[in-house]
Amino acid sequence: MLNDSYSVGAKLAKEMLDQGDLLIRKEFSSNQNYYKNAQDSAVSSIQYIVKQFNKDVENLVVDVEFY
């Protein structure tokens, strides 16, 4: 009996996780503001990381492009 309950619960949890993931992906792809915020965050993170690895380079400019 316990094993059945566990497997049913695990299956339900996976289905809920998959549904949530799908809803999040749909929301992000349909909302331009989310996309822009994610893109801005990615640019900021990439620039920071590149500058941290090149601390000895003065006036370093990091351009990030998306295609």
N, C-alpha and C. Protein backbone atom coordinates (compact mmCIF):
# COMPACT_ATOMS: atom_id res chain seq x y z
N MET A 1 0.82 -1.19 0.00
CA MET A 1 0.00 0.00 0.00
C MET A 1 0.86 1.26 0.00
N LEU A 2 1.88 1.29 0.84
CA LEU A 2 2.74 2.46 0.90
C LEU A 2 3.44 2.73 -0.42
N ASN A 3 3.91 1.69 -1.08
CA ASN A 3 4.59 1.88 -2.35
C ASN A 3 3.65 2.48 -3.39
N ASP A 4 2.39 2.05 -3.38
CA ASP A 4 1.42 2.62 -4.32
C ASP A 4 1.25 4.12 -4.05
N SER A 5 1.13 4.48 -2.78
CA SER A 5 0.95 5.88 -2.42
C SER A 5 2.15 6.70 -2.85
N TYR A 6 3.34 6.15 -2.64
CA TYR A 6 4.56 6.85 -3.02
C TYR A 6 4.61 7.07 -4.53
N SER A 7 4.34 6.01 -5.29
CA SER A 7 4.44 6.13 -6.74
C SER A 7 3.38 7.08 -7.29
N VAL A 8 2.19 7.05 -6.72
CA VAL A 8 1.13 7.96 -7.15
C VAL A 8 1.54 9.40 -6.83
N GLY A 9 2.07 9.62 -5.64
CA GLY A 9 2.51 10.96 -5.25
C GLY A 9 3.65 11.46 -6.10
N ALA A 10 4.61 10.59 -6.40
CA ALA A 10 5.74 10.97 -7.23
C ALA A 10 5.28 11.32 -8.65
N LYS A 11 4.34 10.53 -9.17
CA LYS A 11 3.82 10.79 -10.51
C LYS A 11 3.08 12.13 -10.54
N LEU A 12 2.27 12.38 -9.53
CA LEU A 12 1.52 13.63 -9.45
C LEU A 12 2.46 14.83 -9.33
N ALA A 13 3.50 14.68 -8.51
CA ALA A 13 4.48 15.77 -8.35
C ALA A 13 5.18 16.06 -9.67
N LYS A 14 5.55 15.04 -10.42
CA LYS A 14 6.21 15.23 -11.72
C LYS A 14 5.27 15.91 -12.70
N GLU A 15 4.02 15.49 -12.73
CA GLU A 15 3.05 16.11 -13.63
C GLU A 15 2.86 17.59 -13.29
N MET A 16 2.78 17.88 -11.99
CA MET A 16 2.60 19.27 -11.57
C MET A 16 3.83 20.11 -11.92
N LEU A 17 5.01 19.54 -11.74
CA LEU A 17 6.24 20.24 -12.09
C LEU A 17 6.32 20.50 -13.59
N ASP A 18 5.96 19.51 -14.38
CA ASP A 18 5.96 19.67 -15.84
C ASP A 18 4.96 20.73 -16.28
N GLN A 19 3.77 20.73 -15.69
CA GLN A 19 2.75 21.73 -16.02
C GLN A 19 3.22 23.13 -15.64
N GLY A 20 3.82 23.25 -14.47
CA GLY A 20 4.33 24.54 -14.02
C GLY A 20 5.44 25.05 -14.93
N ASP A 21 6.32 24.15 -15.32
CA ASP A 21 7.41 24.52 -16.22
C ASP A 21 6.86 25.01 -17.55
N LEU A 22 5.86 24.31 -18.07
CA LEU A 22 5.24 24.71 -19.33
C LEU A 22 4.57 26.08 -19.21
N LEU A 23 3.86 26.31 -18.12
CA LEU A 23 3.21 27.60 -17.92
C LEU A 23 4.22 28.73 -17.81
N ILE A 24 5.32 28.50 -17.11
CA ILE A 24 6.36 29.52 -16.99
C ILE A 24 6.97 29.81 -18.36
N ARG A 25 7.26 28.78 -19.12
CA ARG A 25 7.85 28.98 -20.46
C ARG A 25 6.89 29.76 -21.36
N LYS A 26 5.61 29.42 -21.31
CA LYS A 26 4.63 30.14 -22.12
C LYS A 26 4.57 31.61 -21.72
N GLU A 27 4.56 31.86 -20.42
CA GLU A 27 4.48 33.24 -19.92
C GLU A 27 5.70 34.04 -20.34
N PHE A 28 6.88 33.45 -20.20
CA PHE A 28 8.09 34.16 -20.59
C PHE A 28 8.14 34.41 -22.09
N SER A 29 7.70 33.45 -22.88
CA SER A 29 7.77 33.64 -24.33
C SER A 29 6.68 34.58 -24.84
N SER A 30 5.60 34.75 -24.08
CA SER A 30 4.52 35.61 -24.55
C SER A 30 4.59 37.01 -23.97
N ASN A 31 5.44 37.23 -22.98
CA ASN A 31 5.51 38.53 -22.34
C ASN A 31 6.85 39.18 -22.67
N GLN A 32 6.84 40.19 -23.51
CA GLN A 32 8.05 40.86 -23.97
C GLN A 32 8.83 41.48 -22.81
N ASN A 33 8.13 41.93 -21.78
CA ASN A 33 8.80 42.54 -20.64
C ASN A 33 9.69 41.53 -19.91
N TYR A 34 9.19 40.31 -19.72
CA TYR A 34 10.00 39.27 -19.10
C TYR A 34 11.25 38.98 -19.94
N TYR A 35 11.05 38.89 -21.24
CA TYR A 35 12.16 38.60 -22.15
C TYR A 35 13.21 39.70 -22.06
N LYS A 36 12.78 40.94 -22.07
CA LYS A 36 13.70 42.08 -22.00
C LYS A 36 14.45 42.07 -20.67
N ASN A 37 13.75 41.82 -19.57
CA ASN A 37 14.40 41.77 -18.26
C ASN A 37 15.42 40.63 -18.19
N ALA A 38 15.09 39.49 -18.75
CA ALA A 38 16.01 38.35 -18.76
C ALA A 38 17.24 38.68 -19.60
N GLN A 39 17.02 39.33 -20.72
CA GLN A 39 18.12 39.72 -21.59
C GLN A 39 19.03 40.74 -20.90
N ASP A 40 18.45 41.73 -20.25
CA ASP A 40 19.23 42.74 -19.52
C ASP A 40 20.04 42.09 -18.40
N SER A 41 19.44 41.15 -17.71
CA SER A 41 20.13 40.45 -16.64
C SER A 41 21.30 39.64 -17.19
N ALA A 42 21.08 38.99 -18.32
CA ALA A 42 22.16 38.19 -18.94
C ALA A 42 23.31 39.10 -19.36
N VAL A 43 23.01 40.24 -19.95
CA VAL A 43 24.05 41.19 -20.37
C VAL A 43 24.86 41.64 -19.16
N SER A 44 24.17 42.02 -18.11
CA SER A 44 24.84 42.48 -16.90
C SER A 44 25.74 41.40 -16.31
N SER A 45 25.25 40.18 -16.25
CA SER A 45 26.03 39.07 -15.70
C SER A 45 27.26 38.77 -16.54
N ILE A 46 27.09 38.75 -17.85
CA ILE A 46 28.21 38.46 -18.75
C ILE A 46 29.27 39.55 -18.65
N GLN A 47 28.84 40.81 -18.66
CA GLN A 47 29.79 41.91 -18.56
C GLN A 47 30.56 41.83 -17.24
N TYR A 48 29.87 41.56 -16.16
CA TYR A 48 30.52 41.46 -14.85
C TYR A 48 31.56 40.35 -14.84
N ILE A 49 31.20 39.19 -15.34
CA ILE A 49 32.12 38.04 -15.33
C ILE A 49 33.34 38.34 -16.18
N VAL A 50 33.15 38.88 -17.37
CA VAL A 50 34.28 39.18 -18.25
C VAL A 50 35.20 40.21 -17.59
N LYS A 51 34.63 41.23 -16.98
CA LYS A 51 35.45 42.25 -16.32
C LYS A 51 36.19 41.69 -15.11
N GLN A 52 35.57 40.77 -14.39
CA GLN A 52 36.24 40.16 -13.25
C GLN A 52 37.45 39.32 -13.68
N PHE A 53 37.35 38.67 -14.83
CA PHE A 53 38.46 37.87 -15.34
C PHE A 53 39.54 38.73 -15.99
N ASN A 54 39.24 40.01 -16.24
CA ASN A 54 40.19 40.90 -16.91
C ASN A 54 40.39 42.18 -16.11
N LYS A 55 40.60 42.04 -14.82
CA LYS A 55 40.74 43.20 -13.95
C LYS A 55 41.92 44.09 -14.33
N ASP A 56 42.92 43.52 -14.96
CA ASP A 56 44.11 44.27 -15.32
C ASP A 56 43.92 45.11 -16.60
N VAL A 57 42.82 44.94 -17.30
CA VAL A 57 42.55 45.68 -18.53
C VAL A 57 41.76 46.95 -18.18
N GLU A 58 42.38 48.10 -18.43
CA GLU A 58 41.72 49.37 -18.12
C GLU A 58 40.70 49.72 -19.20
N ASN A 59 39.61 50.35 -18.80
CA ASN A 59 38.57 50.83 -19.71
C ASN A 59 38.03 49.74 -20.64
N LEU A 60 37.93 48.55 -20.12
CA LEU A 60 37.42 47.42 -20.90
C LEU A 60 35.94 47.64 -21.21
N VAL A 61 35.59 47.48 -22.46
CA VAL A 61 34.20 47.59 -22.89
C VAL A 61 33.75 46.20 -23.36
N VAL A 62 32.66 45.71 -22.79
CA VAL A 62 32.15 44.39 -23.15
C VAL A 62 30.81 44.59 -23.84
N ASP A 63 30.77 44.23 -25.12
CA ASP A 63 29.51 44.30 -25.89
C ASP A 63 28.91 42.90 -25.96
N VAL A 64 27.64 42.81 -25.68
CA VAL A 64 26.95 41.52 -25.73
C VAL A 64 25.81 41.66 -26.74
N GLU A 65 25.75 40.72 -27.68
CA GLU A 65 24.70 40.75 -28.69
C GLU A 65 23.88 39.46 -28.62
N PHE A 66 22.61 39.58 -28.93
CA PHE A 66 21.73 38.42 -29.00
C PHE A 66 21.22 38.28 -30.43
N TYR A 67 21.10 37.06 -30.86
CA TYR A 67 20.61 36.82 -32.22
C TYR A 67 19.28 36.12 -32.17
